[in-house]
Amino acid sequence: MTRDTLRIAVTGVTGRMGKNLVLSVREAGYALVGGTSRAESPIADVRIVGDLSELISDVDAVIDFTHVSTVVRHAEIVSEARVAWVLGTTGLSAADQAAVEVASERTAVVQAANFSPGVTLVERLARQMGAALPAETYDVEIVEMHHRQKVDAPSGTALSIGAAVAAGRGFMLDAVREPAREGHCGARSTGGIGFAALRGGQIVGEHTALFTSAREQIGLTHRAFDRRVFSDGAVMAAAWAAKQAAGLYSMEHVLGLI
């Protein structure tokens, strides 16, 4: 498959991320076949439809950053067509995730909470630090800040970083995640992973993983200055996935880290 023939569809194409993806696809030199949208917000030279099924026969890859309510439907469509699927939607239920995994048995799926190469490396380092620094002596807190319009907290990226630390220590995040603190919440538990979510202004995204002992502190920080870092990474993932066998992949696969 050549650069000129890679055909991409973007779901939620009229949204903030969708518009960035239009720019990233075109700047990469790939063909933007069209996108889906529930809103009547036309974009120059972009075919907009109401359902992904109307585009699927004409594409090699789908980039999907829409609402969790669309995940099962989109999983069925890409699976049936055996079209590569780049999925950045977060907040999936167990049933949603199961649908993604079923789709990956028939086509290549790249799933990530964040498609920034830098965040991918931060997550990898967080996992290594979780394994190397004992939970009994190094407390871990994940601090994130986003724009004032963001509706979920902690962010999907913050949870992914926390999950990486937990994996390094041999746990699932749910087993060691500390609830948000407010009021008389008691002392911090040993081995817990805490989260703090800040909101304000138009900050694209800042994430810091703090490993703190009685004698030192190490911080892993990533700051996004432009949302294009996410859309560029997703397009990179689409180009990679379109050449892969069926399977469930991450950005670490795309970057050649695993």
Foldseek 3Di string as FASTA:
>chain_A
DDQAAAEEEEEQLPDPLNVLLVVLSVVSNYHHQAYEHPDPDDDPPHDYDHDCLVCLVPHQEYEYADELVCQLVVLVNCLVSQHEYEDQHDPHDPVSVVSNQVSLVRHHYAYDVFLFPLLVVLLQVLLQVLLVPDLQFWAKEKEKEAEQPDDDPPRPSSLSSQQSSQVSVPHGLVVAEDDDDDDCPDDDDRNHYYYHYHYHHGFHMKMWMWIDGPPDIDIDIDGDPDSSSRSNSSVLVSVVRSPDGRHYHYSCVSVVVD
